[in-house]
C-alpha atoms as a PDB file:
ATOM      1  CA  MET A   1     -31.749  20.156 -36.822  1.00  0.00           C
ATOM      2  CA  ARG A   2     -33.785  18.115 -34.369  1.00  0.00           C
ATOM      3  CA  THR A   3     -30.647  16.235 -33.209  1.00  0.00           C
ATOM      4  CA  LYS A   4     -28.967  19.564 -32.388  1.00  0.00           C
ATOM      5  CA  ALA A   5     -32.006  20.667 -30.369  1.00  0.00           C
ATOM      6  CA  VAL A   6     -32.003  17.428 -28.355  1.00  0.00           C
ATOM      7  CA  ALA A   7     -28.250  17.699 -27.735  1.00  0.00           C
ATOM      8  CA  LEU A   8     -28.640  21.325 -26.632  1.00  0.00           C
ATOM      9  CA  SER A   9     -31.497  20.385 -24.297  1.00  0.00           C
ATOM     10  CA  LEU A  10     -29.415  17.614 -22.722  1.00  0.00           C
ATOM     11  CA  ALA A  11     -26.430  19.921 -22.283  1.00  0.00           C
ATOM     12  CA  LEU A  12     -28.580  22.573 -20.600  1.00  0.00           C
ATOM     13  CA  ALA A  13     -30.174  19.980 -18.314  1.00  0.00           C
ATOM     14  CA  MET A  14     -26.734  18.783 -17.219  1.00  0.00           C
ATOM     15  CA  LEU A  15     -25.664  22.355 -16.461  1.00  0.00           C
ATOM     16  CA  ALA A  16     -28.822  23.012 -14.485  1.00  0.00           C
ATOM     17  CA  SER A  17     -28.535  19.905 -12.300  1.00  0.00           C
ATOM     18  CA  PRO A  18     -26.807  20.483  -8.980  1.00  0.00           C
ATOM     19  CA  ALA A  19     -23.353  19.021  -8.320  1.00  0.00           C
ATOM     20  CA  GLN A  20     -23.466  15.653  -6.633  1.00  0.00           C
ATOM     21  CA  ALA A  21     -22.995  16.016  -2.891  1.00  0.00           C
ATOM     22  CA  ALA A  22     -20.417  13.857  -1.141  1.00  0.00           C
ATOM     23  CA  GLU A  23     -21.995  11.116   0.981  1.00  0.00           C
ATOM     24  CA  PRO A  24     -21.250  11.399   4.718  1.00  0.00           C
ATOM     25  CA  ILE A  25     -18.162   9.462   5.811  1.00  0.00           C
ATOM     26  CA  THR A  26     -18.391   9.887   9.584  1.00  0.00           C
ATOM     27  CA  GLY A  27     -18.199   6.766  11.687  1.00  0.00           C
ATOM     28  CA  ARG A  28     -15.809   4.031  12.674  1.00  0.00           C
ATOM     29  CA  TRP A  29     -14.036   2.111   9.893  1.00  0.00           C
ATOM     30  CA  VAL A  30     -11.829  -1.008   9.768  1.00  0.00           C
ATOM     31  CA  THR A  31      -8.786  -0.473   7.543  1.00  0.00           C
ATOM     32  CA  ALA A  32      -8.207  -2.621   4.448  1.00  0.00           C
ATOM     33  CA  GLU A  33      -5.512  -4.634   6.243  1.00  0.00           C
ATOM     34  CA  LYS A  34      -7.937  -5.180   9.153  1.00  0.00           C
ATOM     35  CA  ASP A  35      -5.279  -4.000  11.595  1.00  0.00           C
ATOM     36  CA  ALA A  36      -6.925  -0.872  13.029  1.00  0.00           C
ATOM     37  CA  VAL A  37     -10.177   1.037  13.509  1.00  0.00           C
ATOM     38  CA  VAL A  38     -10.207   4.642  12.307  1.00  0.00           C
ATOM     39  CA  ALA A  39     -12.834   7.043  13.662  1.00  0.00           C
ATOM     40  CA  ILE A  40     -13.858   9.753  11.181  1.00  0.00           C
ATOM     41  CA  GLY A  41     -15.568  12.902  12.400  1.00  0.00           C
ATOM     42  CA  LYS A  42     -15.576  16.679  12.354  1.00  0.00           C
ATOM     43  CA  CYS A  43     -12.256  18.459  12.998  1.00  0.00           C
ATOM     44  CA  GLY A  44     -12.865  22.184  12.770  1.00  0.00           C
ATOM     45  CA  LYS A  45     -14.279  22.984   9.324  1.00  0.00           C
ATOM     46  CA  ALA A  46     -13.149  19.666   7.830  1.00  0.00           C
ATOM     47  CA  GLN A  47     -13.370  15.940   8.570  1.00  0.00           C
ATOM     48  CA  CYS A  48     -10.484  13.883   9.909  1.00  0.00           C
ATOM     49  CA  GLY A  49      -9.873  10.268  10.819  1.00  0.00           C
ATOM     50  CA  THR A  50      -7.862   9.154  13.849  1.00  0.00           C
ATOM     51  CA  ILE A  51      -6.595   5.725  14.836  1.00  0.00           C
ATOM     52  CA  GLU A  52      -9.030   4.660  17.541  1.00  0.00           C
ATOM     53  CA  ARG A  53      -7.643   1.204  18.315  1.00  0.00           C
ATOM     54  CA  PHE A  54      -5.510  -1.597  16.948  1.00  0.00           C
ATOM     55  CA  LEU A  55      -7.077  -4.878  15.855  1.00  0.00           C
ATOM     56  CA  ILE A  56      -3.624  -6.396  15.324  1.00  0.00           C
ATOM     57  CA  LEU A  57      -1.052  -5.083  17.774  1.00  0.00           C
ATOM     58  CA  PRO A  58       2.068  -3.592  16.162  1.00  0.00           C
ATOM     59  CA  LYS A  59       5.568  -4.395  17.520  1.00  0.00           C
ATOM     60  CA  GLY A  60       5.259  -1.632  20.120  1.00  0.00           C
ATOM     61  CA  GLY A  61       1.872  -2.907  21.339  1.00  0.00           C
ATOM     62  CA  LYS A  62      -0.891  -0.471  22.320  1.00  0.00           C
ATOM     63  CA  ASP A  63       1.809   2.094  23.093  1.00  0.00           C
ATOM     64  CA  GLN A  64       3.250   1.999  19.522  1.00  0.00           C
ATOM     65  CA  ARG A  65       4.914   5.286  18.570  1.00  0.00           C
ATOM     66  CA  ASP A  66       5.013   7.016  15.183  1.00  0.00           C
ATOM     67  CA  ILE A  67       8.606   5.847  14.632  1.00  0.00           C
ATOM     68  CA  ASN A  68       8.536   6.127  10.812  1.00  0.00           C
ATOM     69  CA  ASN A  69       7.428   9.767  10.699  1.00  0.00           C
ATOM     70  CA  SER A  70       9.659  11.968   8.536  1.00  0.00           C
ATOM     71  CA  ASP A  71       9.433  14.662  11.243  1.00  0.00           C
ATOM     72  CA  PRO A  72      11.753  13.588  14.108  1.00  0.00           C
ATOM     73  CA  ALA A  73       9.661  15.624  16.586  1.00  0.00           C
ATOM     74  CA  LYS A  74       6.627  13.385  15.887  1.00  0.00           C
ATOM     75  CA  ARG A  75       8.411  10.039  16.247  1.00  0.00           C
ATOM     76  CA  THR A  76       7.597   9.794  19.959  1.00  0.00           C
ATOM     77  CA  ARG A  77       3.842  10.416  19.648  1.00  0.00           C
ATOM     78  CA  LYS A  78       1.504   7.472  20.171  1.00  0.00           C
ATOM     79  CA  LEU A  79      -0.256   6.153  17.072  1.00  0.00           C
ATOM     80  CA  ILE A  80      -3.524   5.715  18.995  1.00  0.00           C
ATOM     81  CA  GLY A  81      -5.231   9.097  18.556  1.00  0.00           C
ATOM     82  CA  THR A  82      -3.054  10.129  15.611  1.00  0.00           C
ATOM     83  CA  ALA A  83      -4.956  11.640  12.679  1.00  0.00           C
ATOM     84  CA  ILE A  84      -4.222   9.681   9.514  1.00  0.00           C
ATOM     85  CA  LEU A  85      -6.931  11.406   7.438  1.00  0.00           C
ATOM     86  CA  THR A  86      -6.815  15.201   7.629  1.00  0.00           C
ATOM     87  CA  GLY A  87      -8.384  18.239   5.997  1.00  0.00           C
ATOM     88  CA  LEU A  88     -11.142  16.259   4.275  1.00  0.00           C
ATOM     89  CA  VAL A  89     -13.535  18.661   2.561  1.00  0.00           C
ATOM     90  CA  ALA A  90     -16.509  17.643   0.396  1.00  0.00           C
ATOM     91  CA  GLU A  91     -15.918  18.495  -3.253  1.00  0.00           C
ATOM     92  CA  GLU A  92     -17.758  17.167  -6.314  1.00  0.00           C
ATOM     93  CA  GLY A  93     -19.054  13.963  -4.722  1.00  0.00           C
ATOM     94  CA  VAL A  94     -15.851  13.034  -2.834  1.00  0.00           C
ATOM     95  CA  TRP A  95     -13.944  14.134   0.256  1.00  0.00           C
ATOM     96  CA  ARG A  96     -10.505  15.538  -0.610  1.00  0.00           C
ATOM     97  CA  GLY A  97      -7.655  15.981   1.847  1.00  0.00           C
ATOM     98  CA  GLN A  98      -4.523  14.155   3.019  1.00  0.00           C
ATOM     99  CA  VAL A  99      -3.861  10.610   4.176  1.00  0.00           C
ATOM    100  CA  TYR A 100      -0.895   9.658   6.366  1.00  0.00           C
ATOM    101  CA  ASP A 101       0.571   6.141   6.312  1.00  0.00           C
ATOM    102  CA  PRO A 102       2.279   5.483   9.656  1.00  0.00           C
ATOM    103  CA  LYS A 103       3.937   2.343   8.254  1.00  0.00           C
ATOM    104  CA  THR A 104       5.980   4.439   5.800  1.00  0.00           C
ATOM    105  CA  GLY A 105       5.835   7.833   7.514  1.00  0.00           C
ATOM    106  CA  ARG A 106       4.575   9.439   4.299  1.00  0.00           C
ATOM    107  CA  SER A 107       1.549  11.618   3.512  1.00  0.00           C
ATOM    108  CA  TYR A 108      -0.399  11.590   0.270  1.00  0.00           C
ATOM    109  CA  THR A 109      -3.216  13.550  -1.322  1.00  0.00           C
ATOM    110  CA  SER A 110      -6.417  11.682  -0.694  1.00  0.00           C
ATOM    111  CA  GLU A 111      -9.932  11.128  -1.954  1.00  0.00           C
ATOM    112  CA  VAL A 112     -12.450   9.367   0.247  1.00  0.00           C
ATOM    113  CA  ARG A 113     -15.904   8.317  -0.903  1.00  0.00           C
ATOM    114  CA  ARG A 114     -18.764   6.345   0.547  1.00  0.00           C
ATOM    115  CA  LYS A 115     -19.520   3.385  -1.715  1.00  0.00           C
ATOM    116  CA  ASP A 116     -22.520   2.126   0.289  1.00  0.00           C
ATOM    117  CA  ALA A 117     -23.671   2.031   3.918  1.00  0.00           C
ATOM    118  CA  GLY A 118     -20.879  -0.331   4.942  1.00  0.00           C
ATOM    119  CA  THR A 119     -18.032   0.523   2.585  1.00  0.00           C
ATOM    120  CA  LEU A 120     -15.599   3.414   2.273  1.00  0.00           C
ATOM    121  CA  GLU A 121     -13.100   3.851  -0.561  1.00  0.00           C
ATOM    122  CA  VAL A 122      -9.853   5.553   0.510  1.00  0.00           C
ATOM    123  CA  LYS A 123      -7.454   6.621  -2.236  1.00  0.00           C
ATOM    124  CA  GLY A 124      -3.938   7.992  -1.677  1.00  0.00           C
ATOM    125  CA  CYS A 125      -2.003   9.586  -4.533  1.00  0.00           C
ATOM    126  CA  VAL A 126       1.444  10.922  -5.344  1.00  0.00           C
ATOM    127  CA  GLY A 127       1.080  12.789  -8.619  1.00  0.00           C
ATOM    128  CA  PRO A 128      -0.687  10.521 -11.108  1.00  0.00           C
ATOM    129  CA  PHE A 129       0.060   7.348  -9.123  1.00  0.00           C
ATOM    130  CA  CYS A 130      -2.714   6.242  -6.770  1.00  0.00           C
ATOM    131  CA  GLN A 131      -3.545   3.312  -4.530  1.00  0.00           C
ATOM    132  CA  THR A 132      -7.099   2.602  -3.407  1.00  0.00           C
ATOM    133  CA  GLN A 133      -8.186   0.720  -0.306  1.00  0.00           C
ATOM    134  CA  VAL A 134     -11.635  -0.431   0.757  1.00  0.00           C
ATOM    135  CA  TRP A 135     -12.506   0.091   4.415  1.00  0.00           C
ATOM    136  CA  LYS A 136     -15.499  -1.598   6.060  1.00  0.00           C
ATOM    137  CA  LYS A 137     -17.836  -0.200   8.702  1.00  0.00           C
ATOM    138  CA  ALA A 138     -16.738  -1.256  12.195  1.00  0.00           C
ATOM    139  CA  SER A 139     -19.300  -3.069  14.322  1.00  0.00           C
END
C-alpha cells in the first residue's frame, strides 16, 4: 500500500513539473566539418541559421552558388546568406525545424539543442534515420 502511495506521489509530481524549456541557440557556430560559420537568430516567429562565412573556401570560392539544390531556380543563389536551418521552434527542450545540406541539396527534419555554453547538437533525420553533428561556438 505504501509503495503505491509513493509511486502515485512521484507520478503526480512529474505531471506538475513544467516542461523543460529549450536552451537558447542564438549565436555564431562553427559547423562540425569546420568549413563554415552559421549565424543563428530570430527569423519571424522562429529561429533560423544562415551561412555567415566560409572557413574553408568551396570550389566556387566566396561566390559559391547553391549548385546542388533540387530546385533549379535556387541553383544560382549564393551560399553566403543562405538559411540552412529554418523554422526552428522550441518544443519539449529542443528546437525543431528543418536543416538544409548544400553539399547534397537535400533538406531534413531537424532537432537542435544546446549541450553547454560552447556546444550545439544539430540532428538531421529522414524518417527513423538520423545523423547528429556537434557544432562549436565561434570566437
